[in-house]
Amino acid sequence: MADYYSHTVVQPDIPKAAFTALEFKLMCEMFEHEMSGEDVYFFSSMGPSNLVFIGIDEAKALIAEDAGIASRITEQVETALAELDDAEIEIELDFSDLEYETILQDVVRRSALDFVEIMSAWTCSKMRPDGFGGAASLISADRIAVMSTGQFLEEEIGRLELRHGPE
């Protein structure tokens, strides 16, 4: 069986104060991180976590810390909390749709950052053709642009065919 990895780095280091308490908690659950003074460096040696579990009381307390600050993830968590059964003690958040990019875009919108970069290298423990590649994301206040190495190659092959015609 092959193991797939998505080594990921977020650049530049981001001021911790740019995050809401909930955003920071969720980013720290999805990524490994290191503090550098007042800034935080996010990275993942295996790949960002897709599932985050957080206690309901903790989620509510984190939301209350930054009441009134615009955050799309806070709105999503509030909606999820409202839909929970009274017996639940924690909330399960599925980040498989790359919600961390939305968090980072909100951070860019509220901070002095012009953009955030995310770079991922996809590797595999066996030499499988589908186990290698990568992607880059550039997140600004008004746009999230993402391109994988596969997309890059497709576009460049298309340009070659336009220039030289199909063989």
C-alpha atoms as a PDB file:
ATOM      1  CA  MET A   1       0.000   0.000   0.000  1.00  0.00           C
ATOM      2  CA  ALA A   2       1.277   3.456  -0.871  1.00  0.00           C
ATOM      3  CA  ASP A   3       1.232   6.431   1.479  1.00  0.00           C
ATOM      4  CA  TYR A   4       0.447   9.825  -0.040  1.00  0.00           C
ATOM      5  CA  TYR A   5       1.742  13.089   1.434  1.00  0.00           C
ATOM      6  CA  SER A   6       1.028  16.753   0.829  1.00  0.00           C
ATOM      7  CA  HIS A   7       3.924  18.721   2.303  1.00  0.00           C
ATOM      8  CA  THR A   8       2.578  22.257   2.636  1.00  0.00           C
ATOM      9  CA  VAL A   9       3.948  25.655   3.653  1.00  0.00           C
ATOM     10  CA  VAL A  10       2.120  28.936   4.174  1.00  0.00           C
ATOM     11  CA  GLN A  11       4.106  32.113   3.560  1.00  0.00           C
ATOM     12  CA  PRO A  12       4.776  34.690   4.867  1.00  0.00           C
ATOM     13  CA  ASP A  13       4.599  34.259   8.621  1.00  0.00           C
ATOM     14  CA  ILE A  14       1.306  35.820   9.714  1.00  0.00           C
ATOM     15  CA  PRO A  15       0.767  38.025  12.756  1.00  0.00           C
ATOM     16  CA  LYS A  16      -1.219  36.034  15.325  1.00  0.00           C
ATOM     17  CA  ALA A  17      -3.243  39.198  15.997  1.00  0.00           C
ATOM     18  CA  ALA A  18      -4.574  39.042  12.403  1.00  0.00           C
ATOM     19  CA  PHE A  19      -6.628  35.945  13.259  1.00  0.00           C
ATOM     20  CA  THR A  20      -9.781  35.711  15.292  1.00  0.00           C
ATOM     21  CA  ALA A  21      -9.429  33.318  18.216  1.00  0.00           C
ATOM     22  CA  LEU A  22     -11.525  30.704  16.388  1.00  0.00           C
ATOM     23  CA  GLU A  23      -9.570  31.062  13.127  1.00  0.00           C
ATOM     24  CA  PHE A  24      -6.271  30.670  14.968  1.00  0.00           C
ATOM     25  CA  LYS A  25      -7.511  27.584  16.832  1.00  0.00           C
ATOM     26  CA  LEU A  26      -8.718  25.960  13.600  1.00  0.00           C
ATOM     27  CA  MET A  27      -5.522  26.773  11.676  1.00  0.00           C
ATOM     28  CA  CYS A  28      -3.462  25.277  14.518  1.00  0.00           C
ATOM     29  CA  GLU A  29      -5.587  22.117  14.352  1.00  0.00           C
ATOM     30  CA  MET A  30      -5.168  21.808  10.565  1.00  0.00           C
ATOM     31  CA  PHE A  31      -1.477  22.703  10.381  1.00  0.00           C
ATOM     32  CA  GLU A  32       1.668  22.296  12.375  1.00  0.00           C
ATOM     33  CA  HIS A  33       2.906  25.720  13.443  1.00  0.00           C
ATOM     34  CA  GLU A  34       5.776  27.600  14.995  1.00  0.00           C
ATOM     35  CA  MET A  35       5.662  30.970  16.689  1.00  0.00           C
ATOM     36  CA  SER A  36       8.296  33.542  15.749  1.00  0.00           C
ATOM     37  CA  GLY A  37       7.736  36.403  18.139  1.00  0.00           C
ATOM     38  CA  GLU A  38       4.202  37.625  17.444  1.00  0.00           C
ATOM     39  CA  ASP A  39       4.033  35.888  14.063  1.00  0.00           C
ATOM     40  CA  VAL A  40       3.133  32.309  13.229  1.00  0.00           C
ATOM     41  CA  TYR A  41       4.504  30.017  10.527  1.00  0.00           C
ATOM     42  CA  PHE A  42       2.061  27.340   9.353  1.00  0.00           C
ATOM     43  CA  PHE A  43       3.216  24.166   7.628  1.00  0.00           C
ATOM     44  CA  SER A  44       2.319  20.513   7.286  1.00  0.00           C
ATOM     45  CA  SER A  45       4.742  17.651   6.859  1.00  0.00           C
ATOM     46  CA  MET A  46       2.010  15.130   5.922  1.00  0.00           C
ATOM     47  CA  GLY A  47      -0.818  17.337   4.665  1.00  0.00           C
ATOM     48  CA  PRO A  48      -3.296  19.682   6.356  1.00  0.00           C
ATOM     49  CA  SER A  49      -5.893  17.895   8.493  1.00  0.00           C
ATOM     50  CA  ASN A  50      -9.285  17.607   6.848  1.00  0.00           C
ATOM     51  CA  LEU A  51     -11.232  16.974  10.042  1.00  0.00           C
ATOM     52  CA  VAL A  52     -11.163  19.150  13.131  1.00  0.00           C
ATOM     53  CA  PHE A  53     -13.016  18.332  16.336  1.00  0.00           C
ATOM     54  CA  ILE A  54     -13.651  21.110  18.829  1.00  0.00           C
ATOM     55  CA  GLY A  55     -15.717  21.137  21.997  1.00  0.00           C
ATOM     56  CA  ILE A  56     -18.972  23.035  21.704  1.00  0.00           C
ATOM     57  CA  ASP A  57     -18.281  25.150  24.796  1.00  0.00           C
ATOM     58  CA  GLU A  58     -14.797  25.990  23.513  1.00  0.00           C
ATOM     59  CA  ALA A  59     -16.161  26.911  20.063  1.00  0.00           C
ATOM     60  CA  LYS A  60     -18.749  29.224  21.605  1.00  0.00           C
ATOM     61  CA  ALA A  61     -16.129  30.850  23.855  1.00  0.00           C
ATOM     62  CA  LEU A  62     -13.759  31.429  20.924  1.00  0.00           C
ATOM     63  CA  ILE A  63     -16.559  32.969  18.853  1.00  0.00           C
ATOM     64  CA  ALA A  64     -17.509  35.257  21.748  1.00  0.00           C
ATOM     65  CA  GLU A  65     -13.892  36.517  22.052  1.00  0.00           C
ATOM     66  CA  ASP A  66     -14.094  38.218  18.670  1.00  0.00           C
ATOM     67  CA  ALA A  67     -17.788  39.049  18.340  1.00  0.00           C
ATOM     68  CA  GLY A  68     -18.393  41.517  15.558  1.00  0.00           C
ATOM     69  CA  ILE A  69     -15.273  40.699  13.517  1.00  0.00           C
ATOM     70  CA  ALA A  70     -16.145  39.551   9.991  1.00  0.00           C
ATOM     71  CA  SER A  71     -15.138  35.913   9.526  1.00  0.00           C
ATOM     72  CA  ARG A  72     -16.779  33.490   7.145  1.00  0.00           C
ATOM     73  CA  ILE A  73     -15.561  30.462   9.101  1.00  0.00           C
ATOM     74  CA  THR A  74     -17.156  31.892  12.260  1.00  0.00           C
ATOM     75  CA  GLU A  75     -20.465  32.151  10.393  1.00  0.00           C
ATOM     76  CA  GLN A  76     -20.118  28.525   9.219  1.00  0.00           C
ATOM     77  CA  VAL A  77     -19.307  27.287  12.721  1.00  0.00           C
ATOM     78  CA  GLU A  78     -22.234  29.250  14.204  1.00  0.00           C
ATOM     79  CA  THR A  79     -24.555  27.633  11.648  1.00  0.00           C
ATOM     80  CA  ALA A  80     -23.152  24.181  12.429  1.00  0.00           C
ATOM     81  CA  LEU A  81     -23.555  24.790  16.173  1.00  0.00           C
ATOM     82  CA  ALA A  82     -27.194  25.799  15.691  1.00  0.00           C
ATOM     83  CA  GLU A  83     -27.891  22.519  13.882  1.00  0.00           C
ATOM     84  CA  LEU A  84     -26.407  20.280  16.595  1.00  0.00           C
ATOM     85  CA  ASP A  85     -28.392  18.003  18.852  1.00  0.00           C
ATOM     86  CA  ASP A  86     -28.453  19.122  22.521  1.00  0.00           C
ATOM     87  CA  ALA A  87     -26.630  15.914  23.529  1.00  0.00           C
ATOM     88  CA  GLU A  88     -23.570  16.731  21.411  1.00  0.00           C
ATOM     89  CA  ILE A  89     -20.422  17.797  23.241  1.00  0.00           C
ATOM     90  CA  GLU A  90     -18.174  18.536  20.266  1.00  0.00           C
ATOM     91  CA  ILE A  91     -18.477  19.680  16.699  1.00  0.00           C
ATOM     92  CA  GLU A  92     -16.850  17.969  13.722  1.00  0.00           C
ATOM     93  CA  LEU A  93     -15.683  20.355  11.014  1.00  0.00           C
ATOM     94  CA  ASP A  94     -14.840  18.969   7.559  1.00  0.00           C
ATOM     95  CA  PHE A  95     -12.123  20.988   5.831  1.00  0.00           C
ATOM     96  CA  SER A  96     -11.758  18.745   2.786  1.00  0.00           C
ATOM     97  CA  ASP A  97     -12.945  21.625   0.589  1.00  0.00           C
ATOM     98  CA  LEU A  98      -9.877  23.708   1.547  1.00  0.00           C
ATOM     99  CA  GLU A  99     -11.655  26.007   3.949  1.00  0.00           C
ATOM    100  CA  TYR A 100      -8.303  27.138   5.303  1.00  0.00           C
ATOM    101  CA  GLU A 101      -7.955  29.240   2.160  1.00  0.00           C
ATOM    102  CA  THR A 102     -11.158  31.092   3.129  1.00  0.00           C
ATOM    103  CA  ILE A 103      -9.773  31.672   6.624  1.00  0.00           C
ATOM    104  CA  LEU A 104      -6.548  33.048   5.153  1.00  0.00           C
ATOM    105  CA  GLN A 105      -8.447  35.285   2.736  1.00  0.00           C
ATOM    106  CA  ASP A 106     -10.388  36.798   5.642  1.00  0.00           C
ATOM    107  CA  VAL A 107      -7.067  37.361   7.443  1.00  0.00           C
ATOM    108  CA  VAL A 108      -5.658  39.154   4.369  1.00  0.00           C
ATOM    109  CA  ARG A 109      -8.803  41.302   4.135  1.00  0.00           C
ATOM    110  CA  ARG A 110      -8.448  42.424   7.762  1.00  0.00           C
ATOM    111  CA  SER A 111      -4.671  42.844   7.902  1.00  0.00           C
ATOM    112  CA  ALA A 112      -1.818  44.724   6.263  1.00  0.00           C
ATOM    113  CA  LEU A 113      -0.886  41.623   4.240  1.00  0.00           C
ATOM    114  CA  ASP A 114      -1.230  41.968   0.468  1.00  0.00           C
ATOM    115  CA  PHE A 115      -1.392  38.205  -0.051  1.00  0.00           C
ATOM    116  CA  VAL A 116      -0.612  34.784   1.376  1.00  0.00           C
ATOM    117  CA  GLU A 117       1.075  31.997  -0.571  1.00  0.00           C
ATOM    118  CA  ILE A 118       0.480  28.292  -0.073  1.00  0.00           C
ATOM    119  CA  MET A 119       2.809  25.794  -1.712  1.00  0.00           C
ATOM    120  CA  SER A 120       2.267  22.047  -1.625  1.00  0.00           C
ATOM    121  CA  ALA A 121       4.458  19.195  -2.814  1.00  0.00           C
ATOM    122  CA  TRP A 122       2.612  15.944  -3.387  1.00  0.00           C
ATOM    123  CA  THR A 123       4.702  12.859  -2.860  1.00  0.00           C
ATOM    124  CA  CYS A 124       4.166   9.148  -2.437  1.00  0.00           C
ATOM    125  CA  SER A 125       6.025   6.352  -0.664  1.00  0.00           C
ATOM    126  CA  LYS A 126       6.006   4.357  -3.927  1.00  0.00           C
ATOM    127  CA  MET A 127       6.780   5.477  -7.430  1.00  0.00           C
ATOM    128  CA  ARG A 128       3.171   5.771  -8.536  1.00  0.00           C
ATOM    129  CA  PRO A 129       2.319   8.028 -11.496  1.00  0.00           C
ATOM    130  CA  ASP A 130      -0.515   9.651  -9.535  1.00  0.00           C
ATOM    131  CA  GLY A 131       1.610  10.237  -6.425  1.00  0.00           C
ATOM    132  CA  PHE A 132       3.693  13.231  -7.413  1.00  0.00           C
ATOM    133  CA  GLY A 133       3.130  16.846  -8.257  1.00  0.00           C
ATOM    134  CA  GLY A 134       2.194  19.919  -6.386  1.00  0.00           C
ATOM    135  CA  ALA A 135       0.166  23.067  -6.293  1.00  0.00           C
ATOM    136  CA  ALA A 136       0.457  26.725  -5.473  1.00  0.00           C
ATOM    137  CA  SER A 137      -2.219  29.081  -4.191  1.00  0.00           C
ATOM    138  CA  LEU A 138      -2.085  32.849  -4.064  1.00  0.00           C
ATOM    139  CA  ILE A 139      -4.662  34.384  -1.761  1.00  0.00           C
ATOM    140  CA  SER A 140      -5.443  38.086  -1.921  1.00  0.00           C
ATOM    141  CA  ALA A 141      -8.322  40.071  -0.488  1.00  0.00           C
ATOM    142  CA  ASP A 142     -10.447  39.562  -3.604  1.00  0.00           C
ATOM    143  CA  ARG A 143      -9.146  36.359  -5.189  1.00  0.00           C
ATOM    144  CA  ILE A 144      -7.993  32.828  -4.455  1.00  0.00           C
ATOM    145  CA  ALA A 145      -5.941  31.521  -7.384  1.00  0.00           C
ATOM    146  CA  VAL A 146      -4.836  27.888  -7.410  1.00  0.00           C
ATOM    147  CA  MET A 147      -2.813  25.947  -9.960  1.00  0.00           C
ATOM    148  CA  SER A 148      -1.510  22.402  -9.772  1.00  0.00           C
ATOM    149  CA  THR A 149       1.488  21.101 -11.644  1.00  0.00           C
ATOM    150  CA  GLY A 150      -0.926  18.973 -13.681  1.00  0.00           C
ATOM    151  CA  GLN A 151      -2.898  22.077 -14.724  1.00  0.00           C
ATOM    152  CA  PHE A 152       0.333  23.844 -15.642  1.00  0.00           C
ATOM    153  CA  LEU A 153       1.408  20.940 -17.854  1.00  0.00           C
ATOM    154  CA  GLU A 154      -2.034  20.722 -19.524  1.00  0.00           C
ATOM    155  CA  GLU A 155      -1.979  24.431 -20.337  1.00  0.00           C
ATOM    156  CA  GLU A 156       1.566  24.320 -21.699  1.00  0.00           C
ATOM    157  CA  ILE A 157       0.829  21.226 -23.811  1.00  0.00           C
ATOM    158  CA  GLY A 158      -2.226  23.063 -25.173  1.00  0.00           C
ATOM    159  CA  ARG A 159      -0.030  26.030 -26.105  1.00  0.00           C
ATOM    160  CA  LEU A 160       2.404  23.731 -27.905  1.00  0.00           C
ATOM    161  CA  GLU A 161      -0.432  22.153 -29.883  1.00  0.00           C
ATOM    162  CA  LEU A 162      -1.769  25.587 -30.853  1.00  0.00           C
ATOM    163  CA  ARG A 163       1.650  26.673 -32.023  1.00  0.00           C
ATOM    164  CA  HIS A 164       2.644  23.448 -33.806  1.00  0.00           C
ATOM    165  CA  GLY A 165      -0.712  21.837 -34.497  1.00  0.00           C
ATOM    166  CA  PRO A 166      -1.680  18.324 -33.431  1.00  0.00           C
ATOM    167  CA  GLU A 167       0.729  15.593 -34.510  1.00  0.00           C
END
